[in-house]
Protein backbone atom coordinates (compact mmCIF):
# COMPACT_ATOMS: atom_id res chain seq x y z
CA MET A 1 168.55 41.10 75.74
CA LYS A 2 172.15 40.00 75.83
CA VAL A 3 174.56 40.51 72.92
CA PHE A 4 178.32 40.14 72.76
CA ILE A 5 180.42 43.10 71.67
CA ASN A 6 184.05 42.17 71.11
CA GLN A 7 183.51 39.05 73.22
CA GLU A 8 182.05 40.98 76.19
CA SER A 9 178.45 40.51 77.26
CA HIS A 10 176.27 43.64 77.00
CA THR A 11 172.58 44.17 77.66
CA VAL A 12 170.60 46.10 75.07
CA PRO A 13 166.84 46.71 74.85
CA SER A 14 164.77 44.15 72.98
CA GLY A 15 164.44 45.20 69.35
CA ALA A 16 167.65 47.24 69.46
CA THR A 17 169.50 47.99 66.25
CA LEU A 18 173.23 47.87 65.76
CA LEU A 19 173.25 51.67 65.90
CA ASP A 20 171.45 51.55 69.28
CA ALA A 21 174.12 49.18 70.65
CA LEU A 22 176.90 51.41 69.34
CA ARG A 23 175.24 54.49 70.89
CA ILE A 24 174.95 52.76 74.26
CA ASN A 25 178.70 52.14 74.10
CA LYS A 26 179.42 55.65 72.75
CA LEU A 27 180.87 54.31 69.49
CA GLU A 28 178.40 55.64 66.91
CA GLU A 29 180.61 58.63 66.00
CA GLN A 30 183.86 56.66 66.05
CA ARG A 31 185.78 57.01 62.79
CA GLY A 32 187.93 54.31 61.25
CA ILE A 33 185.97 51.33 62.52
CA ALA A 34 184.52 48.32 60.78
CA VAL A 35 181.57 46.53 62.36
CA ALA A 36 180.38 42.97 61.80
CA VAL A 37 177.37 41.16 63.21
CA ASN A 38 177.76 37.39 63.32
CA GLN A 39 180.81 37.69 61.03
CA ARG A 40 178.90 39.74 58.41
CA ILE A 41 180.25 43.25 57.76
CA ILE A 42 177.59 45.93 58.15
CA SER A 43 178.24 49.23 56.36
CA ARG A 44 177.78 52.42 58.37
CA THR A 45 174.65 53.25 56.35
CA GLY A 46 173.12 49.92 57.43
CA TRP A 47 173.70 50.23 61.17
CA ASP A 48 170.21 51.61 61.85
CA ASP A 49 168.54 48.88 59.75
CA CYS A 50 170.40 45.97 61.36
CA LYS A 51 168.14 44.55 64.10
CA LEU A 52 170.02 42.64 66.77
CA GLN A 53 168.84 39.30 68.14
CA GLU A 54 169.54 37.59 71.46
CA SER A 55 173.16 36.34 71.64
CA ASP A 56 174.30 38.10 68.46
CA THR A 57 178.02 38.66 68.22
CA VAL A 58 179.16 42.17 67.28
CA THR A 59 182.79 42.62 66.32
CA ILE A 60 184.26 46.13 66.15
CA ILE A 61 187.64 46.56 64.52
CA GLN A 62 189.56 49.83 64.81
CA ALA A 63 191.80 50.71 61.88
CA THR A 64 195.33 51.58 62.91
CA GLN A 65 197.99 53.50 61.13
CA GLY A 66 201.48 52.25 60.73
CA GLY A 67 203.81 50.56 58.40
């Protein structure tokens, strides 16, 4: 099925979780990120429970340091 990760189309298996999608894109171990599905923040502990649906929008935000 097709989902959008940071506005780019990606194909993930049907029934994939958010964690599956992050693994496919090698982001599951990334520190300092916030992840939202359809504009709803999903905590790291919920990634494996969040089932993705066709055309879901996943937004990944990387924290930056600065001042």
